[in-house]
Amino acid sequence: MKYIFLICPLVSLAVCQLLKIFVAILKKKEITLSLITSSGGMPSAHSCFVSSLVTIIGLVEGVDSSFFAISLVFGLITCYDASHIRRESGMHAKLLNEKFNMKLNINLGHELKEVIAGIITGMLVTLIIYFL
């Protein structure tokens, strides 16, 4: 049972990264296997990973536990970072690429809908694993 705190987030992360490939197929009509290891995109793997951890801690330890509170704060910071700070970094990289002909990675952060999709994915995968 103690491994469930690692299993749920890791399985959720894998599902999320695979979902990025399917979303790309639907949007761009092409298979992009490099999305498995990339940051950015739909859904947010950071948000998925951390929401899975928060969910399983809430289910096992209870939402009134200090572990849940700590993981929730950690999760909120992670989601905020993904949708604000890392997204701004990607926008700066895009501008630098255009102005100075650089090749910086611009796919760093997430739009709010990508973060929300990641949170939902992490929670759903965790609930499925927990109740199976």
Protein backbone atom coordinates (compact mmCIF):
# COMPACT_ATOMS: atom_id res chain seq x y z
CA MET A 1 0.00 0.00 0.00
CA LYS A 2 2.88 2.40 0.72
CA TYR A 3 3.96 2.26 -2.93
CA ILE A 4 0.63 3.71 -4.04
CA PHE A 5 2.05 7.18 -3.30
CA LEU A 6 4.58 6.61 -6.10
CA ILE A 7 2.53 4.39 -8.40
CA CYS A 8 -0.39 6.78 -8.86
CA PRO A 9 1.68 9.86 -9.78
CA LEU A 10 4.00 7.89 -12.06
CA VAL A 11 1.16 6.15 -13.90
CA SER A 12 -0.69 9.48 -14.15
CA LEU A 13 2.41 11.10 -15.60
CA ALA A 14 2.80 8.33 -18.19
CA VAL A 15 -0.88 8.60 -19.18
CA CYS A 16 -0.57 12.37 -19.44
CA GLN A 17 2.50 12.22 -21.68
CA LEU A 18 0.76 9.68 -23.93
CA LEU A 19 -2.31 11.92 -24.08
CA LYS A 20 -0.10 14.71 -25.45
CA ILE A 21 0.61 12.53 -28.49
CA PHE A 22 -3.09 11.88 -29.10
CA VAL A 23 -3.95 15.56 -28.68
CA ALA A 24 -1.24 16.44 -31.21
CA ILE A 25 -2.67 13.86 -33.63
CA LEU A 26 -6.11 15.43 -33.33
CA LYS A 27 -4.83 19.02 -33.64
CA LYS A 28 -2.00 18.71 -36.15
CA LYS A 29 -2.84 15.40 -37.85
CA GLU A 30 0.69 14.16 -37.19
CA ILE A 31 2.38 11.78 -34.78
CA THR A 32 4.97 13.53 -32.64
CA LEU A 33 6.64 10.96 -30.39
CA SER A 34 9.01 13.57 -28.95
CA LEU A 35 6.07 14.88 -26.92
CA ILE A 36 6.55 11.92 -24.55
CA THR A 37 9.52 13.70 -22.97
CA SER A 38 8.65 17.33 -23.67
CA SER A 39 7.40 20.05 -21.38
CA GLY A 40 4.44 22.22 -22.31
CA GLY A 41 1.43 21.09 -24.28
CA MET A 42 -1.96 19.59 -23.51
CA PRO A 43 -2.45 18.36 -20.81
CA SER A 44 0.06 19.72 -18.30
CA ALA A 45 2.20 16.86 -17.00
CA HIS A 46 3.38 18.93 -14.03
CA SER A 47 -0.22 19.56 -12.97
CA CYS A 48 -1.18 15.95 -13.62
CA PHE A 49 1.73 14.57 -11.59
CA VAL A 50 1.16 16.81 -8.58
CA SER A 51 -2.64 16.52 -8.59
CA SER A 52 -2.28 12.75 -8.55
CA LEU A 53 -0.07 12.99 -5.48
CA VAL A 54 -2.50 15.34 -3.73
CA THR A 55 -5.43 13.07 -4.60
CA ILE A 56 -3.85 9.85 -3.34
CA ILE A 57 -2.68 11.53 -0.13
CA GLY A 58 -6.21 12.85 0.41
CA LEU A 59 -7.70 9.40 -0.18
CA VAL A 60 -5.25 7.46 2.00
CA GLU A 61 -4.26 9.92 4.73
CA GLY A 62 -7.41 12.05 4.72
CA VAL A 63 -7.96 15.66 3.71
CA ASP A 64 -7.47 16.73 7.33
CA SER A 65 -3.90 15.42 7.48
CA SER A 66 -0.79 17.56 7.46
CA PHE A 67 0.52 15.51 4.51
CA PHE A 68 -2.49 16.55 2.47
CA ALA A 69 -2.03 20.21 3.40
CA ILE A 70 1.66 20.13 2.46
CA SER A 71 0.99 18.37 -0.85
CA LEU A 72 -1.84 20.77 -1.69
CA VAL A 73 0.37 23.82 -1.13
CA PHE A 74 3.13 22.18 -3.19
CA GLY A 75 0.57 21.38 -5.91
CA LEU A 76 -0.83 24.89 -6.05
CA ILE A 77 2.67 26.35 -6.39
CA THR A 78 3.48 23.87 -9.16
CA CYS A 79 0.30 24.64 -11.09
CA TYR A 80 0.80 28.39 -10.71
CA ASP A 81 4.39 28.06 -11.90
CA ALA A 82 3.34 26.00 -14.95
CA SER A 83 0.66 28.46 -16.02
CA HIS A 84 2.42 31.72 -15.22
CA ILE A 85 6.17 31.73 -14.70
CA ARG A 86 7.15 28.96 -17.12
CA ARG A 87 4.65 30.27 -19.69
CA GLU A 88 6.23 33.73 -19.51
CA SER A 89 9.65 32.13 -20.01
CA GLY A 90 8.37 30.49 -23.18
CA MET A 91 7.03 33.80 -24.45
CA HIS A 92 10.40 35.44 -23.76
CA ALA A 93 12.17 32.61 -25.59
CA LYS A 94 9.88 33.13 -28.60
CA LEU A 95 10.72 36.82 -28.70
CA LEU A 96 14.46 36.13 -28.40
CA ASN A 97 14.21 33.57 -31.21
CA GLU A 98 12.54 36.13 -33.47
CA LYS A 99 14.83 39.06 -32.62
CA PHE A 100 18.19 37.30 -32.45
CA ASN A 101 17.64 34.22 -34.63
CA MET A 102 18.11 31.89 -31.67
CA LYS A 103 16.71 28.38 -31.23
CA LEU A 104 15.40 28.45 -27.66
CA ASN A 105 12.63 26.08 -26.59
CA ILE A 106 9.38 28.05 -26.54
CA ASN A 107 7.15 25.19 -25.38
CA LEU A 108 7.76 25.63 -21.65
CA GLY A 109 4.58 26.63 -19.89
CA HIS A 110 0.85 26.08 -20.13
CA GLU A 111 -2.39 27.85 -20.75
CA LEU A 112 -4.95 27.59 -17.95
CA LYS A 113 -6.98 24.99 -19.87
CA GLU A 114 -3.89 22.76 -20.15
CA VAL A 115 -3.29 23.01 -16.40
CA ILE A 116 -6.93 22.20 -15.64
CA ALA A 117 -6.81 19.23 -18.04
CA GLY A 118 -3.67 18.01 -16.27
CA ILE A 119 -5.30 18.30 -12.86
CA ILE A 120 -8.37 16.40 -14.02
CA THR A 121 -6.24 13.70 -15.68
CA GLY A 122 -4.15 13.21 -12.54
CA MET A 123 -7.20 12.97 -10.32
CA LEU A 124 -9.07 10.56 -12.63
CA VAL A 125 -6.14 8.20 -13.14
CA THR A 126 -5.54 8.16 -9.38
CA LEU A 127 -9.18 7.45 -8.60
CA ILE A 128 -9.23 4.61 -11.12
CA ILE A 129 -6.10 3.02 -9.63
CA TYR A 130 -7.26 3.53 -6.04
CA PHE A 131 -10.71 2.01 -6.53
CA LEU A 132 -9.46 -0.94 -8.59
